[in-house]
N, C-alpha and C. Protein backbone atom coordinates (compact mmCIF):
# COMPACT_ATOMS: atom_id res chain seq x y z
N UNK A 1 8.88 -6.76 172.64
CA UNK A 1 10.19 -7.27 172.78
C UNK A 1 10.77 -6.70 174.16
N UNK A 2 11.41 -7.66 175.02
CA UNK A 2 11.84 -7.17 176.29
C UNK A 2 13.17 -6.35 176.01
N UNK A 3 13.37 -5.36 176.93
CA UNK A 3 14.64 -4.55 176.62
C UNK A 3 15.80 -5.25 177.17
N UNK A 4 15.72 -6.09 178.12
CA UNK A 4 16.84 -6.97 178.51
C UNK A 4 16.30 -8.21 179.17
N UNK A 5 17.12 -9.24 178.98
CA UNK A 5 16.71 -10.49 179.48
C UNK A 5 17.96 -11.08 180.33
N UNK A 6 17.70 -12.04 181.26
CA UNK A 6 18.67 -12.56 182.15
C UNK A 6 19.07 -13.92 181.61
N UNK A 7 20.48 -14.02 181.54
CA UNK A 7 21.09 -15.30 181.05
C UNK A 7 22.02 -15.62 182.12
N UNK A 8 21.88 -16.65 182.96
CA UNK A 8 22.83 -17.10 184.01
C UNK A 8 23.17 -15.93 184.93
N UNK A 9 22.14 -15.04 185.21
CA UNK A 9 22.27 -14.01 186.30
C UNK A 9 22.89 -12.71 185.59
N UNK A 10 23.21 -12.69 184.40
CA UNK A 10 23.80 -11.49 183.74
C UNK A 10 22.72 -11.07 182.90
N UNK A 11 22.44 -9.57 182.89
CA UNK A 11 21.43 -8.99 182.11
C UNK A 11 22.00 -8.64 180.70
N UNK A 12 21.43 -9.14 179.73
CA UNK A 12 21.88 -8.81 178.38
C UNK A 12 20.76 -8.01 177.49
N UNK A 13 21.25 -7.31 176.62
CA UNK A 13 20.10 -6.47 175.90
C UNK A 13 19.39 -7.37 175.10
N UNK A 14 18.01 -6.94 174.91
CA UNK A 14 17.11 -7.75 174.11
C UNK A 14 17.51 -7.86 172.56
N UNK A 15 18.16 -6.86 172.29
CA UNK A 15 18.54 -6.76 170.70
C UNK A 15 19.57 -7.86 170.42
N UNK A 16 20.33 -8.33 171.38
CA UNK A 16 21.31 -9.29 171.18
C UNK A 16 20.70 -10.73 170.52
N UNK A 17 19.52 -11.09 170.84
CA UNK A 17 18.87 -12.06 170.23
C UNK A 17 18.62 -11.84 168.75
N UNK A 18 18.12 -10.69 168.34
CA UNK A 18 18.05 -10.47 166.99
C UNK A 18 19.32 -10.24 166.17
N UNK A 19 20.42 -9.88 166.85
CA UNK A 19 21.73 -9.68 166.41
C UNK A 19 22.25 -11.12 166.08
N UNK A 20 22.00 -12.10 166.94
CA UNK A 20 22.38 -13.54 166.78
C UNK A 20 21.57 -14.11 165.58
N UNK A 21 20.33 -13.80 165.48
CA UNK A 21 19.52 -14.43 164.54
C UNK A 21 19.95 -13.84 163.13
N UNK A 22 20.17 -12.54 163.02
CA UNK A 22 20.64 -12.02 161.74
C UNK A 22 22.05 -12.43 161.38
N UNK A 23 22.92 -12.76 162.41
CA UNK A 23 24.14 -13.19 162.11
C UNK A 23 24.03 -14.75 161.33
N UNK A 24 23.11 -15.45 161.92
CA UNK A 24 22.97 -16.76 161.32
C UNK A 24 22.45 -16.69 159.82
N UNK A 25 21.57 -15.69 159.67
CA UNK A 25 21.00 -15.54 158.41
C UNK A 25 22.10 -14.96 157.36
N UNK A 26 23.01 -14.18 157.91
CA UNK A 26 24.04 -13.70 157.10
C UNK A 26 24.91 -14.89 156.63
N UNK A 27 25.28 -15.69 157.75
CA UNK A 27 26.12 -16.85 157.35
C UNK A 27 25.63 -17.80 156.38
N UNK A 28 24.20 -17.95 156.42
CA UNK A 28 23.56 -18.73 155.41
C UNK A 28 23.53 -18.05 154.04
N UNK A 29 23.34 -16.76 153.91
CA UNK A 29 23.55 -16.22 152.63
C UNK A 29 24.97 -16.10 152.12
N UNK A 30 25.87 -16.01 153.01
CA UNK A 30 27.26 -15.99 152.68
C UNK A 30 27.62 -17.41 152.14
N UNK A 31 27.05 -18.46 152.67
CA UNK A 31 27.44 -19.70 152.14
C UNK A 31 26.93 -19.97 150.70
N UNK A 32 25.63 -19.49 150.51
CA UNK A 32 24.88 -19.60 149.29
C UNK A 32 25.80 -18.74 148.21
N UNK A 33 25.99 -17.48 148.56
CA UNK A 33 26.76 -16.63 147.54
C UNK A 33 28.06 -17.15 147.24
N UNK A 34 28.91 -17.69 148.25
CA UNK A 34 30.10 -18.28 148.01
C UNK A 34 30.12 -19.54 147.15
N UNK A 35 29.04 -20.40 147.44
CA UNK A 35 28.85 -21.59 146.64
C UNK A 35 28.65 -21.34 145.12
N UNK A 36 27.75 -20.38 144.94
CA UNK A 36 27.42 -20.08 143.39
C UNK A 36 28.17 -19.11 142.86
N UNK A 37 29.26 -18.51 143.44
CA UNK A 37 30.18 -17.67 142.81
C UNK A 37 29.70 -16.19 142.66
N UNK A 38 28.80 -15.88 143.53
CA UNK A 38 28.24 -14.49 143.37
C UNK A 38 29.01 -13.31 143.87
N UNK A 39 30.22 -13.71 144.64
CA UNK A 39 31.11 -12.70 144.97
C UNK A 39 32.05 -12.17 143.77
N UNK A 40 31.89 -12.89 142.74
CA UNK A 40 32.70 -12.29 141.49
C UNK A 40 32.18 -11.01 140.92
N UNK A 41 30.85 -10.73 141.35
CA UNK A 41 30.21 -9.49 140.81
C UNK A 41 30.35 -8.29 141.93
N UNK A 42 30.93 -8.60 143.04
CA UNK A 42 31.11 -7.74 144.08
C UNK A 42 32.42 -7.00 144.04
N UNK A 43 32.56 -5.68 144.26
CA UNK A 43 34.03 -5.08 144.22
C UNK A 43 34.81 -5.44 145.42
N UNK A 44 34.19 -5.40 146.57
CA UNK A 44 35.01 -5.74 147.94
C UNK A 44 34.12 -6.64 148.67
N UNK A 45 34.20 -7.91 148.68
CA UNK A 45 33.45 -8.95 149.47
C UNK A 45 33.30 -8.55 150.97
N UNK A 46 34.35 -8.32 151.69
CA UNK A 46 34.21 -8.06 153.09
C UNK A 46 33.29 -6.78 153.42
N UNK A 47 33.47 -5.81 152.59
CA UNK A 47 32.63 -4.62 152.76
C UNK A 47 31.21 -5.00 152.45
N UNK A 48 31.08 -5.75 151.40
CA UNK A 48 29.68 -6.15 150.90
C UNK A 48 28.99 -7.01 152.21
N UNK A 49 29.76 -7.80 152.69
CA UNK A 49 29.22 -8.59 153.93
C UNK A 49 28.69 -7.68 154.97
N UNK A 50 29.59 -6.89 155.33
CA UNK A 50 29.22 -5.94 156.52
C UNK A 50 27.94 -5.14 156.11
N UNK A 51 27.94 -4.56 154.93
CA UNK A 51 26.80 -3.77 154.41
C UNK A 51 25.47 -4.61 154.40
N UNK A 52 25.69 -5.85 153.95
CA UNK A 52 24.36 -6.83 153.95
C UNK A 52 23.96 -7.11 155.34
N UNK A 53 24.91 -7.35 156.32
CA UNK A 53 24.51 -7.52 157.79
C UNK A 53 23.74 -6.32 158.12
N UNK A 54 24.22 -5.18 157.98
CA UNK A 54 23.67 -3.91 158.47
C UNK A 54 22.24 -3.69 157.84
N UNK A 55 22.18 -4.01 156.62
CA UNK A 55 20.85 -3.80 155.94
C UNK A 55 19.81 -5.04 156.54
N UNK A 56 20.30 -6.06 156.83
CA UNK A 56 19.38 -7.21 157.26
C UNK A 56 18.99 -6.78 158.71
N UNK A 57 19.97 -6.40 159.58
CA UNK A 57 19.63 -6.13 161.05
C UNK A 57 18.82 -4.98 161.14
N UNK A 58 19.03 -3.93 160.32
CA UNK A 58 18.19 -2.63 160.55
C UNK A 58 16.89 -2.91 159.80
N UNK A 59 16.92 -3.62 158.73
CA UNK A 59 15.56 -3.85 158.17
C UNK A 59 14.59 -4.70 158.87
N UNK A 60 15.17 -5.81 159.63
CA UNK A 60 14.29 -6.59 160.66
C UNK A 60 13.98 -5.73 161.80
N UNK A 61 14.82 -4.94 162.28
CA UNK A 61 14.53 -4.05 163.39
C UNK A 61 13.39 -3.08 163.05
N UNK A 62 13.37 -2.68 161.91
CA UNK A 62 12.23 -1.65 161.36
C UNK A 62 10.83 -2.50 161.32
N UNK A 63 11.03 -3.70 160.94
CA UNK A 63 9.78 -4.68 160.83
C UNK A 63 9.19 -4.88 162.16
N UNK A 64 10.13 -4.96 163.25
CA UNK A 64 9.67 -5.19 164.59
C UNK A 64 8.93 -4.09 165.31
N UNK A 65 9.44 -2.91 164.87
CA UNK A 65 8.96 -1.59 165.57
C UNK A 65 8.02 -0.94 164.58
């Protein structure tokens, strides 16, 4: 994985690509959970969303390295 990549002449961190990918996965899971009413079983939905994103991002990062 490159440490940084160039986008229009600006150097961006390589982890930004994985961040964007996991953000898309989170939005997909959020849509499914909202559609089927799974947030009824969660105490604090915004906190759950942040925790789920952190788990996805860190878990995928561990798989890469």
